[in-house]
Amino acid sequence: MQTLNAKPISAYPWFIRLFFWKQKRKYGQVLEPGLIWGRSPLLFATLALLYGAIDRRRSPLPPSLRSLVTVRVSQINHCAFCVDINSATLIKRGVSMEKAAALANWRREDLLPMFSVQERLALEYAEAMTLNRVDDMMRQRLKDQWTDDELVELTGLIAFQNMSSKFNAALDLPGQGFCRVPPPDSAGV
């Protein structure tokens, strides 16, 4: 059961309503998490700025890799909204529906070939960070794959998605019908 409800749009400060207007133009609707975060205008504005920095076009990480990681973290944290919107973004960024549907079980032998070496390491890192299981051996493998700047970007992205998906899952915010990826057989972890 969703814990909190949105206020009437007119009850939010003007600068938050501006964000809602942009969401409606981009997604066709105002995003439910935005309405809830908007109850605290300072938190919402700070979150929006952080998201903009993380999801910028000039990120050193490929867009499809970023989307794979965000969907996987969302799956682990059982965030219906995040899985929905991030899966839609994943498909929009050129990842096949088959690969998106396989993501929760990416470690299965028969599915491994669908994912590049870099994608598998990023997914492994996303799972390890989400479950607090990062060790020195993994850190070295990450440094062998990415520059320090790229690793900061990847770590920041995973940390942000954990915050966002845990917030939404804790308040039981539903998906909004952006993507119809079949549900995974299991959480895959």
N, C-alpha and C. Protein backbone atom coordinates (compact mmCIF):
# COMPACT_ATOMS: atom_id res chain seq x y z
N MET A 1 0.84 -1.18 0.00
CA MET A 1 0.00 0.00 0.00
C MET A 1 0.89 1.24 0.00
N GLN A 2 0.64 2.15 -0.94
CA GLN A 2 1.41 3.38 -1.01
C GLN A 2 1.22 4.16 0.28
N THR A 3 2.33 4.57 0.88
CA THR A 3 2.32 5.20 2.19
C THR A 3 1.86 6.66 2.17
N LEU A 4 2.32 7.41 1.19
CA LEU A 4 2.02 8.84 1.10
C LEU A 4 1.31 9.16 -0.20
N ASN A 5 0.54 10.21 -0.17
CA ASN A 5 -0.14 10.67 -1.38
C ASN A 5 0.39 12.05 -1.75
N ALA A 6 0.23 12.38 -3.01
CA ALA A 6 0.65 13.69 -3.49
C ALA A 6 -0.32 14.76 -3.00
N LYS A 7 0.20 15.97 -2.93
CA LYS A 7 -0.64 17.13 -2.66
C LYS A 7 -1.18 17.60 -4.01
N PRO A 8 -2.19 18.45 -4.01
CA PRO A 8 -2.61 19.07 -5.29
C PRO A 8 -1.42 19.82 -5.89
N ILE A 9 -1.27 19.77 -7.19
CA ILE A 9 -0.13 20.41 -7.86
C ILE A 9 0.01 21.87 -7.43
N SER A 10 -1.10 22.56 -7.27
CA SER A 10 -1.05 23.99 -6.91
C SER A 10 -0.47 24.22 -5.52
N ALA A 11 -0.38 23.19 -4.69
CA ALA A 11 0.15 23.34 -3.33
C ALA A 11 1.68 23.30 -3.27
N TYR A 12 2.33 22.94 -4.39
CA TYR A 12 3.78 22.89 -4.43
C TYR A 12 4.32 24.26 -4.82
N PRO A 13 5.53 24.60 -4.38
CA PRO A 13 6.14 25.88 -4.78
C PRO A 13 6.30 25.96 -6.30
N TRP A 14 6.36 27.15 -6.83
CA TRP A 14 6.42 27.36 -8.28
C TRP A 14 7.60 26.64 -8.93
N PHE A 15 8.76 26.64 -8.27
CA PHE A 15 9.93 26.02 -8.89
C PHE A 15 9.80 24.51 -8.94
N ILE A 16 9.05 23.91 -8.04
CA ILE A 16 8.79 22.48 -8.09
C ILE A 16 7.77 22.19 -9.19
N ARG A 17 6.77 23.06 -9.33
CA ARG A 17 5.78 22.90 -10.40
C ARG A 17 6.44 22.99 -11.77
N LEU A 18 7.50 23.78 -11.88
CA LEU A 18 8.25 23.86 -13.14
C LEU A 18 8.86 22.50 -13.48
N PHE A 19 9.42 21.82 -12.49
CA PHE A 19 9.94 20.46 -12.71
C PHE A 19 8.81 19.53 -13.15
N PHE A 20 7.65 19.65 -12.51
CA PHE A 20 6.51 18.79 -12.87
C PHE A 20 6.08 19.04 -14.31
N TRP A 21 6.09 20.31 -14.73
CA TRP A 21 5.74 20.65 -16.11
C TRP A 21 6.71 19.97 -17.09
N LYS A 22 8.01 20.01 -16.75
CA LYS A 22 9.00 19.36 -17.61
C LYS A 22 8.80 17.84 -17.63
N GLN A 23 8.47 17.23 -16.47
CA GLN A 23 8.19 15.80 -16.43
C GLN A 23 7.00 15.46 -17.32
N LYS A 24 5.98 16.26 -17.25
CA LYS A 24 4.78 15.99 -18.05
C LYS A 24 5.09 16.08 -19.54
N ARG A 25 5.93 17.03 -19.92
CA ARG A 25 6.34 17.14 -21.34
C ARG A 25 7.17 15.93 -21.76
N LYS A 26 8.08 15.48 -20.90
CA LYS A 26 8.98 14.38 -21.25
C LYS A 26 8.30 13.02 -21.17
N TYR A 27 7.52 12.78 -20.12
CA TYR A 27 6.96 11.45 -19.86
C TYR A 27 5.46 11.34 -20.11
N GLY A 28 4.81 12.47 -20.37
CA GLY A 28 3.37 12.44 -20.57
C GLY A 28 2.59 12.50 -19.27
N GLN A 29 3.28 12.53 -18.16
CA GLN A 29 2.65 12.60 -16.85
C GLN A 29 3.68 13.04 -15.81
N VAL A 30 3.18 13.54 -14.71
CA VAL A 30 4.06 13.90 -13.59
C VAL A 30 4.43 12.60 -12.89
N LEU A 31 5.68 12.48 -12.50
CA LEU A 31 6.15 11.25 -11.88
C LEU A 31 5.77 11.22 -10.40
N GLU A 32 5.21 10.11 -9.98
CA GLU A 32 4.75 9.95 -8.60
C GLU A 32 5.86 10.21 -7.58
N PRO A 33 7.08 9.67 -7.78
CA PRO A 33 8.13 9.98 -6.80
C PRO A 33 8.42 11.47 -6.71
N GLY A 34 8.34 12.18 -7.83
CA GLY A 34 8.55 13.62 -7.80
C GLY A 34 7.53 14.33 -6.93
N LEU A 35 6.29 13.88 -7.02
CA LEU A 35 5.24 14.47 -6.19
C LEU A 35 5.51 14.23 -4.70
N ILE A 36 6.06 13.06 -4.39
CA ILE A 36 6.33 12.74 -2.99
C ILE A 36 7.59 13.48 -2.52
N TRP A 37 8.69 13.41 -3.28
CA TRP A 37 9.89 14.17 -2.92
C TRP A 37 9.57 15.65 -2.82
N GLY A 38 8.66 16.13 -3.66
CA GLY A 38 8.29 17.54 -3.69
C GLY A 38 7.67 18.04 -2.40
N ARG A 39 7.25 17.14 -1.54
CA ARG A 39 6.74 17.55 -0.23
C ARG A 39 7.83 18.25 0.57
N SER A 40 9.08 17.97 0.23
CA SER A 40 10.22 18.68 0.82
C SER A 40 10.95 19.38 -0.32
N PRO A 41 10.59 20.63 -0.62
CA PRO A 41 11.15 21.32 -1.79
C PRO A 41 12.68 21.34 -1.83
N LEU A 42 13.33 21.52 -0.70
CA LEU A 42 14.80 21.54 -0.70
C LEU A 42 15.36 20.18 -1.09
N LEU A 43 14.81 19.11 -0.52
CA LEU A 43 15.26 17.77 -0.90
C LEU A 43 15.01 17.51 -2.38
N PHE A 44 13.83 17.87 -2.87
CA PHE A 44 13.50 17.65 -4.27
C PHE A 44 14.47 18.38 -5.19
N ALA A 45 14.70 19.67 -4.92
CA ALA A 45 15.59 20.45 -5.78
C ALA A 45 17.01 19.89 -5.77
N THR A 46 17.49 19.49 -4.59
CA THR A 46 18.83 18.91 -4.48
C THR A 46 18.90 17.59 -5.23
N LEU A 47 17.89 16.76 -5.07
CA LEU A 47 17.83 15.48 -5.77
C LEU A 47 17.81 15.69 -7.29
N ALA A 48 17.03 16.65 -7.75
CA ALA A 48 16.94 16.92 -9.19
C ALA A 48 18.28 17.37 -9.75
N LEU A 49 19.00 18.20 -9.02
CA LEU A 49 20.33 18.63 -9.47
C LEU A 49 21.30 17.46 -9.52
N LEU A 50 21.27 16.62 -8.50
CA LEU A 50 22.15 15.45 -8.48
C LEU A 50 21.82 14.51 -9.64
N TYR A 51 20.53 14.26 -9.86
CA TYR A 51 20.12 13.39 -10.97
C TYR A 51 20.60 13.97 -12.31
N GLY A 52 20.46 15.28 -12.47
CA GLY A 52 20.92 15.91 -13.71
C GLY A 52 22.41 15.73 -13.93
N ALA A 53 23.20 15.80 -12.86
CA ALA A 53 24.64 15.60 -12.97
C ALA A 53 24.98 14.16 -13.32
N ILE A 54 24.23 13.23 -12.76
CA ILE A 54 24.51 11.81 -12.99
C ILE A 54 24.05 11.36 -14.37
N ASP A 55 22.93 11.87 -14.84
CA ASP A 55 22.35 11.39 -16.10
C ASP A 55 22.66 12.33 -17.28
N ARG A 56 23.75 13.03 -17.22
CA ARG A 56 24.10 13.97 -18.29
C ARG A 56 24.59 13.23 -19.54
N ARG A 57 24.44 13.87 -20.67
CA ARG A 57 24.86 13.28 -21.94
C ARG A 57 26.37 13.04 -22.02
N ARG A 58 27.14 13.85 -21.35
CA ARG A 58 28.60 13.75 -21.44
C ARG A 58 29.22 12.84 -20.38
N SER A 59 28.43 11.98 -19.79
CA SER A 59 28.98 11.02 -18.83
C SER A 59 30.02 10.16 -19.54
N PRO A 60 31.11 9.81 -18.86
CA PRO A 60 32.11 8.95 -19.49
C PRO A 60 31.64 7.50 -19.64
N LEU A 61 30.51 7.16 -19.06
CA LEU A 61 29.99 5.80 -19.16
C LEU A 61 28.93 5.72 -20.26
N PRO A 62 28.93 4.65 -21.04
CA PRO A 62 27.92 4.52 -22.10
C PRO A 62 26.50 4.53 -21.53
N PRO A 63 25.56 5.19 -22.22
CA PRO A 63 24.18 5.25 -21.73
C PRO A 63 23.56 3.88 -21.47
N SER A 64 23.81 2.91 -22.33
CA SER A 64 23.21 1.59 -22.12
C SER A 64 23.75 0.92 -20.87
N LEU A 65 25.03 1.09 -20.58
CA LEU A 65 25.62 0.54 -19.36
C LEU A 65 25.00 1.19 -18.13
N ARG A 66 24.84 2.50 -18.18
CA ARG A 66 24.22 3.20 -17.05
C ARG A 66 22.81 2.67 -16.82
N SER A 67 22.07 2.45 -17.89
CA SER A 67 20.70 1.95 -17.74
C SER A 67 20.66 0.51 -17.23
N LEU A 68 21.56 -0.33 -17.69
CA LEU A 68 21.61 -1.71 -17.18
C LEU A 68 21.79 -1.71 -15.67
N VAL A 69 22.71 -0.88 -15.21
CA VAL A 69 23.01 -0.80 -13.77
C VAL A 69 21.80 -0.29 -12.99
N THR A 70 21.13 0.75 -13.50
CA THR A 70 20.00 1.31 -12.76
C THR A 70 18.84 0.32 -12.68
N VAL A 71 18.61 -0.41 -13.75
CA VAL A 71 17.53 -1.41 -13.71
C VAL A 71 17.89 -2.51 -12.71
N ARG A 72 19.12 -2.98 -12.74
CA ARG A 72 19.51 -4.07 -11.84
C ARG A 72 19.39 -3.66 -10.37
N VAL A 73 19.86 -2.47 -10.03
CA VAL A 73 19.73 -1.99 -8.65
C VAL A 73 18.25 -1.89 -8.27
N SER A 74 17.45 -1.40 -9.18
CA SER A 74 16.01 -1.27 -8.94
C SER A 74 15.36 -2.62 -8.69
N GLN A 75 15.79 -3.64 -9.43
CA GLN A 75 15.26 -4.99 -9.23
C GLN A 75 15.62 -5.51 -7.84
N ILE A 76 16.86 -5.35 -7.47
CA ILE A 76 17.31 -5.86 -6.16
C ILE A 76 16.54 -5.18 -5.03
N ASN A 77 16.29 -3.88 -5.18
CA ASN A 77 15.60 -3.12 -4.14
C ASN A 77 14.08 -3.19 -4.25
N HIS A 78 13.58 -3.96 -5.19
CA HIS A 78 12.13 -4.16 -5.36
C HIS A 78 11.37 -2.85 -5.53
N CYS A 79 11.91 -1.97 -6.36
CA CYS A 79 11.27 -0.69 -6.63
C CYS A 79 10.50 -0.79 -7.94
N ALA A 80 9.20 -0.94 -7.84
CA ALA A 80 8.35 -1.08 -9.02
C ALA A 80 8.46 0.13 -9.94
N PHE A 81 8.42 1.32 -9.37
CA PHE A 81 8.51 2.53 -10.19
C PHE A 81 9.85 2.56 -10.94
N CYS A 82 10.95 2.31 -10.22
CA CYS A 82 12.28 2.40 -10.82
C CYS A 82 12.50 1.35 -11.91
N VAL A 83 12.04 0.13 -11.66
CA VAL A 83 12.17 -0.90 -12.69
C VAL A 83 11.41 -0.46 -13.94
N ASP A 84 10.23 0.07 -13.74
CA ASP A 84 9.38 0.53 -14.84
C ASP A 84 10.06 1.62 -15.66
N ILE A 85 10.41 2.72 -15.04
CA ILE A 85 10.94 3.85 -15.80
C ILE A 85 12.36 3.58 -16.31
N ASN A 86 13.19 2.89 -15.52
CA ASN A 86 14.55 2.61 -15.96
C ASN A 86 14.58 1.57 -17.08
N SER A 87 13.64 0.63 -17.07
CA SER A 87 13.56 -0.34 -18.17
C SER A 87 13.14 0.36 -19.46
N ALA A 88 12.22 1.31 -19.36
CA ALA A 88 11.82 2.08 -20.54
C ALA A 88 13.01 2.84 -21.11
N THR A 89 13.82 3.43 -20.23
CA THR A 89 15.01 4.15 -20.67
C THR A 89 16.02 3.19 -21.29
N LEU A 90 16.16 2.01 -20.71
CA LEU A 90 17.07 0.98 -21.23
C LEU A 90 16.70 0.62 -22.66
N ILE A 91 15.42 0.38 -22.91
CA ILE A 91 14.95 0.03 -24.25
C ILE A 91 15.16 1.22 -25.20
N LYS A 92 14.87 2.42 -24.72
CA LYS A 92 15.05 3.63 -25.54
C LYS A 92 16.52 3.82 -25.92
N ARG A 93 17.42 3.34 -25.08
CA ARG A 93 18.85 3.47 -25.36
C ARG A 93 19.39 2.32 -26.21
N GLY A 94 18.49 1.55 -26.80
CA GLY A 94 18.89 0.57 -27.79
C GLY A 94 19.13 -0.84 -27.30
N VAL A 95 18.85 -1.13 -26.05
CA VAL A 95 19.02 -2.48 -25.52
C VAL A 95 17.77 -3.28 -25.88
N SER A 96 17.97 -4.50 -26.34
CA SER A 96 16.83 -5.31 -26.77
C SER A 96 15.93 -5.70 -25.61
N MET A 97 14.67 -5.95 -25.94
CA MET A 97 13.72 -6.38 -24.92
C MET A 97 14.17 -7.71 -24.32
N GLU A 98 14.77 -8.57 -25.15
CA GLU A 98 15.27 -9.86 -24.68
C GLU A 98 16.35 -9.68 -23.60
N LYS A 99 17.27 -8.77 -23.86
CA LYS A 99 18.35 -8.51 -22.89
C LYS A 99 17.78 -7.87 -21.63
N ALA A 100 16.84 -6.95 -21.78
CA ALA A 100 16.21 -6.31 -20.62
C ALA A 100 15.50 -7.36 -19.76
N ALA A 101 14.81 -8.29 -20.40
CA ALA A 101 14.09 -9.33 -19.66
C ALA A 101 15.05 -10.30 -18.97
N ALA A 102 16.25 -10.46 -19.52
CA ALA A 102 17.24 -11.38 -18.96
C ALA A 102 18.06 -10.76 -17.82
N LEU A 103 17.94 -9.48 -17.62
CA LEU A 103 18.82 -8.76 -16.70
C LEU A 103 18.81 -9.31 -15.27
N ALA A 104 17.66 -9.66 -14.75
CA ALA A 104 17.60 -10.16 -13.36
C ALA A 104 18.36 -11.46 -13.18
N ASN A 105 18.54 -12.19 -14.26
CA ASN A 105 19.22 -13.49 -14.20
C ASN A 105 20.48 -13.49 -15.05
N TRP A 106 21.14 -12.36 -15.19
CA TRP A 106 22.27 -12.21 -16.08
C TRP A 106 23.41 -13.17 -15.80
N ARG A 107 23.52 -13.70 -14.59
CA ARG A 107 24.61 -14.62 -14.23
C ARG A 107 24.40 -16.04 -14.75
N ARG A 108 23.20 -16.35 -15.19
CA ARG A 108 22.95 -17.71 -15.71
C ARG A 108 23.85 -17.98 -16.90
N GLU A 109 24.42 -19.17 -16.96
CA GLU A 109 25.35 -19.56 -18.03
C GLU A 109 24.81 -19.25 -19.42
N ASP A 110 23.56 -19.58 -19.65
CA ASP A 110 23.00 -19.39 -20.99
C ASP A 110 22.76 -17.91 -21.33
N LEU A 111 22.73 -17.04 -20.33
CA LEU A 111 22.49 -15.61 -20.56
C LEU A 111 23.76 -14.78 -20.57
N LEU A 112 24.84 -15.30 -20.01
CA LEU A 112 26.10 -14.54 -19.94
C LEU A 112 26.55 -13.97 -21.28
N PRO A 113 26.45 -14.72 -22.38
CA PRO A 113 26.91 -14.16 -23.66
C PRO A 113 26.17 -12.90 -24.12
N MET A 114 24.99 -12.64 -23.55
CA MET A 114 24.24 -11.43 -23.92
C MET A 114 24.91 -10.17 -23.39
N PHE A 115 25.77 -10.32 -22.39
CA PHE A 115 26.35 -9.17 -21.71
C PHE A 115 27.86 -9.13 -21.94
N SER A 116 28.38 -7.94 -22.25
CA SER A 116 29.81 -7.79 -22.47
C SER A 116 30.56 -7.96 -21.15
N VAL A 117 31.87 -8.10 -21.24
CA VAL A 117 32.70 -8.21 -20.04
C VAL A 117 32.52 -6.97 -19.16
N GLN A 118 32.51 -5.80 -19.77
CA GLN A 118 32.34 -4.56 -19.02
C GLN A 118 30.96 -4.50 -18.35
N GLU A 119 29.93 -4.91 -19.07
CA GLU A 119 28.58 -4.93 -18.50
C GLU A 119 28.48 -5.89 -17.32
N ARG A 120 29.08 -7.07 -17.47
CA ARG A 120 29.04 -8.05 -16.37
C ARG A 120 29.74 -7.52 -15.12
N LEU A 121 30.88 -6.86 -15.30
CA LEU A 121 31.58 -6.31 -14.14
C LEU A 121 30.76 -5.18 -13.51
N ALA A 122 30.16 -4.33 -14.32
CA ALA A 122 29.33 -3.24 -13.78
C ALA A 122 28.12 -3.80 -13.03
N LEU A 123 27.51 -4.85 -13.56
CA LEU A 123 26.37 -5.47 -12.89
C LEU A 123 26.80 -6.15 -11.59
N GLU A 124 27.95 -6.80 -11.64
CA GLU A 124 28.48 -7.43 -10.43
C GLU A 124 28.74 -6.37 -9.35
N TYR A 125 29.32 -5.25 -9.76
CA TYR A 125 29.59 -4.16 -8.83
C TYR A 125 28.29 -3.56 -8.28
N ALA A 126 27.31 -3.38 -9.14
CA ALA A 126 26.02 -2.84 -8.70
C ALA A 126 25.40 -3.75 -7.64
N GLU A 127 25.46 -5.04 -7.87
CA GLU A 127 24.92 -5.99 -6.88
C GLU A 127 25.73 -5.95 -5.59
N ALA A 128 27.05 -5.92 -5.71
CA ALA A 128 27.91 -5.91 -4.52
C ALA A 128 27.71 -4.63 -3.71
N MET A 129 27.63 -3.50 -4.37
CA MET A 129 27.39 -2.24 -3.65
C MET A 129 26.04 -2.26 -2.96
N THR A 130 25.03 -2.70 -3.67
CA THR A 130 23.67 -2.71 -3.12
C THR A 130 23.57 -3.61 -1.91
N LEU A 131 24.31 -4.71 -1.92
CA LEU A 131 24.27 -5.68 -0.83
C LEU A 131 25.45 -5.55 0.13
N ASN A 132 26.23 -4.46 0.01
CA ASN A 132 27.40 -4.20 0.86
C ASN A 132 28.41 -5.34 0.85
N ARG A 133 28.79 -5.75 -0.34
CA ARG A 133 29.73 -6.87 -0.49
C ARG A 133 30.94 -6.53 -1.38
N VAL A 134 31.32 -5.29 -1.45
CA VAL A 134 32.48 -4.90 -2.26
C VAL A 134 33.73 -5.22 -1.47
N ASP A 135 34.68 -5.90 -2.12
CA ASP A 135 35.93 -6.25 -1.44
C ASP A 135 37.12 -5.72 -2.24
N ASP A 136 38.31 -5.91 -1.72
CA ASP A 136 39.51 -5.39 -2.37
C ASP A 136 39.75 -6.02 -3.74
N MET A 137 39.44 -7.29 -3.88
CA MET A 137 39.63 -7.95 -5.17
C MET A 137 38.72 -7.31 -6.23
N MET A 138 37.49 -7.02 -5.86
CA MET A 138 36.58 -6.37 -6.80
C MET A 138 37.08 -4.96 -7.12
N ARG A 139 37.52 -4.24 -6.13
CA ARG A 139 38.03 -2.88 -6.37
C ARG A 139 39.18 -2.90 -7.38
N GLN A 140 40.04 -3.90 -7.29
CA GLN A 140 41.16 -3.99 -8.23
C GLN A 140 40.64 -4.31 -9.64
N ARG A 141 39.70 -5.21 -9.74
CA ARG A 141 39.12 -5.54 -11.06
C ARG A 141 38.46 -4.31 -11.68
N LEU A 142 37.81 -3.50 -10.84
CA LEU A 142 37.18 -2.28 -11.33
C LEU A 142 38.22 -1.30 -11.84
N LYS A 143 39.32 -1.14 -11.10
CA LYS A 143 40.39 -0.23 -11.50
C LYS A 143 41.08 -0.72 -12.77
N ASP A 144 41.09 -2.03 -12.99
CA ASP A 144 41.66 -2.57 -14.22
C ASP A 144 40.77 -2.28 -15.44
N GLN A 145 39.49 -2.06 -15.20
CA GLN A 145 38.53 -1.85 -16.29
C GLN A 145 38.28 -0.38 -16.59
N TRP A 146 38.22 0.46 -15.54
CA TRP A 146 37.84 1.85 -15.71
C TRP A 146 38.87 2.79 -15.12
N THR A 147 38.90 4.01 -15.65
CA THR A 147 39.74 5.05 -15.06
C THR A 147 39.14 5.45 -13.71
N ASP A 148 39.91 6.19 -12.94
CA ASP A 148 39.40 6.65 -11.64
C ASP A 148 38.15 7.51 -11.82
N ASP A 149 38.15 8.39 -12.83
CA ASP A 149 36.99 9.25 -13.07
C ASP A 149 35.76 8.42 -13.47
N GLU A 150 35.97 7.43 -14.31
CA GLU A 150 34.85 6.57 -14.70
C GLU A 150 34.32 5.77 -13.51
N LEU A 151 35.21 5.33 -12.66
CA LEU A 151 34.81 4.57 -11.49
C LEU A 151 34.01 5.43 -10.51
N VAL A 152 34.39 6.68 -10.38
CA VAL A 152 33.60 7.61 -9.55
C VAL A 152 32.20 7.77 -10.14
N GLU A 153 32.11 7.91 -11.45
CA GLU A 153 30.80 8.04 -12.11
C GLU A 153 29.94 6.80 -11.86
N LEU A 154 30.53 5.63 -12.04
CA LEU A 154 29.79 4.38 -11.87
C LEU A 154 29.34 4.22 -10.41
N THR A 155 30.23 4.50 -9.49
CA THR A 155 29.90 4.37 -8.07
C THR A 155 28.82 5.37 -7.67
N GLY A 156 28.92 6.60 -8.16
CA GLY A 156 27.91 7.61 -7.87
C GLY A 156 26.55 7.22 -8.44
N LEU A 157 26.54 6.68 -9.64
CA LEU A 157 25.29 6.24 -10.26
C LEU A 157 24.63 5.13 -9.44
N ILE A 158 25.42 4.15 -9.04
CA ILE A 158 24.87 3.04 -8.26
C ILE A 158 24.37 3.54 -6.90
N ALA A 159 25.13 4.42 -6.27
CA ALA A 159 24.72 4.97 -4.97
C ALA A 159 23.42 5.77 -5.12
N PHE A 160 23.33 6.60 -6.17
CA PHE A 160 22.11 7.38 -6.39
C PHE A 160 20.91 6.46 -6.62
N GLN A 161 21.10 5.44 -7.45
CA GLN A 161 19.97 4.55 -7.75
C GLN A 161 19.55 3.78 -6.51
N ASN A 162 20.49 3.45 -5.66
CA ASN A 162 20.12 2.81 -4.38
C ASN A 162 19.28 3.75 -3.53
N MET A 163 19.70 5.00 -3.42
CA MET A 163 18.92 5.95 -2.63
C MET A 163 17.52 6.11 -3.22
N SER A 164 17.44 6.32 -4.50
CA SER A 164 16.16 6.55 -5.15
C SER A 164 15.24 5.33 -5.05
N SER A 165 15.77 4.17 -5.36
CA SER A 165 14.93 2.97 -5.35
C SER A 165 14.53 2.55 -3.93
N LYS A 166 15.41 2.77 -2.97
CA LYS A 166 15.04 2.44 -1.59
C LYS A 166 13.97 3.40 -1.07
N PHE A 167 14.05 4.67 -1.42
CA PHE A 167 13.03 5.66 -1.05
C PHE A 167 11.67 5.24 -1.64
N ASN A 168 11.67 4.97 -2.94
CA ASN A 168 10.41 4.62 -3.61
C ASN A 168 9.84 3.30 -3.12
N ALA A 169 10.69 2.31 -2.91
CA ALA A 169 10.22 1.00 -2.44
C ALA A 169 9.69 1.09 -1.02
N ALA A 170 10.36 1.86 -0.16
CA ALA A 170 9.92 2.00 1.22
C ALA A 170 8.52 2.62 1.30
N LEU A 171 8.23 3.53 0.37
CA LEU A 171 6.92 4.19 0.35
C LEU A 171 5.95 3.50 -0.60
N ASP A 172 6.38 2.36 -1.19
CA ASP A 172 5.56 1.54 -2.08
C ASP A 172 4.99 2.32 -3.25
N LEU A 173 5.85 3.12 -3.89
CA LEU A 173 5.41 3.89 -5.04
C LEU A 173 5.32 2.97 -6.26
N PRO A 174 4.18 2.96 -6.93
CA PRO A 174 3.96 2.01 -8.02
C PRO A 174 4.62 2.44 -9.33
N GLY A 175 4.73 1.48 -10.24
CA GLY A 175 5.14 1.81 -11.59
C GLY A 175 4.05 2.66 -12.24
N GLN A 176 4.42 3.35 -13.32
CA GLN A 176 3.46 4.21 -13.98
C GLN A 176 3.22 3.78 -15.42
N GLY A 177 3.55 2.53 -15.75
CA GLY A 177 3.24 1.99 -17.06
C GLY A 177 4.14 2.42 -18.19
N PHE A 178 5.41 2.71 -17.90
CA PHE A 178 6.33 3.14 -18.95
C PHE A 178 6.87 1.97 -19.77
N CYS A 179 7.04 0.81 -19.15
CA CYS A 179 7.66 -0.32 -19.84
C CYS A 179 7.00 -1.62 -19.42
N ARG A 180 6.84 -2.51 -20.36
CA ARG A 180 6.21 -3.80 -20.08
C ARG A 180 7.21 -4.95 -20.20
N VAL A 181 8.33 -4.82 -19.50
CA VAL A 181 9.30 -5.92 -19.47
C VAL A 181 8.69 -7.04 -18.63
N PRO A 182 8.74 -8.29 -19.12
CA PRO A 182 8.19 -9.39 -18.32
C PRO A 182 8.89 -9.46 -16.97
N PRO A 183 8.16 -9.79 -15.91
CA PRO A 183 8.79 -9.89 -14.59
C PRO A 183 9.84 -10.99 -14.57
N PRO A 184 10.92 -10.79 -13.81
CA PRO A 184 11.97 -11.81 -13.74
C PRO A 184 11.49 -13.03 -12.97
N ASP A 185 12.14 -14.17 -13.26
CA ASP A 185 11.81 -15.41 -12.54
C ASP A 185 12.22 -15.31 -11.08
N SER A 186 13.31 -14.59 -10.83
CA SER A 186 13.81 -14.42 -9.46
C SER A 186 14.59 -13.13 -9.40
N ALA A 187 14.98 -12.75 -8.21
CA ALA A 187 15.79 -11.54 -8.05
C ALA A 187 17.19 -11.72 -8.60
N GLY A 188 17.64 -12.94 -8.80
CA GLY A 188 18.93 -13.20 -9.41
C GLY A 188 20.12 -13.00 -8.51
N VAL A 189 19.92 -12.70 -7.26
CA VAL A 189 21.06 -12.50 -6.36
C VAL A 189 21.12 -13.63 -5.38
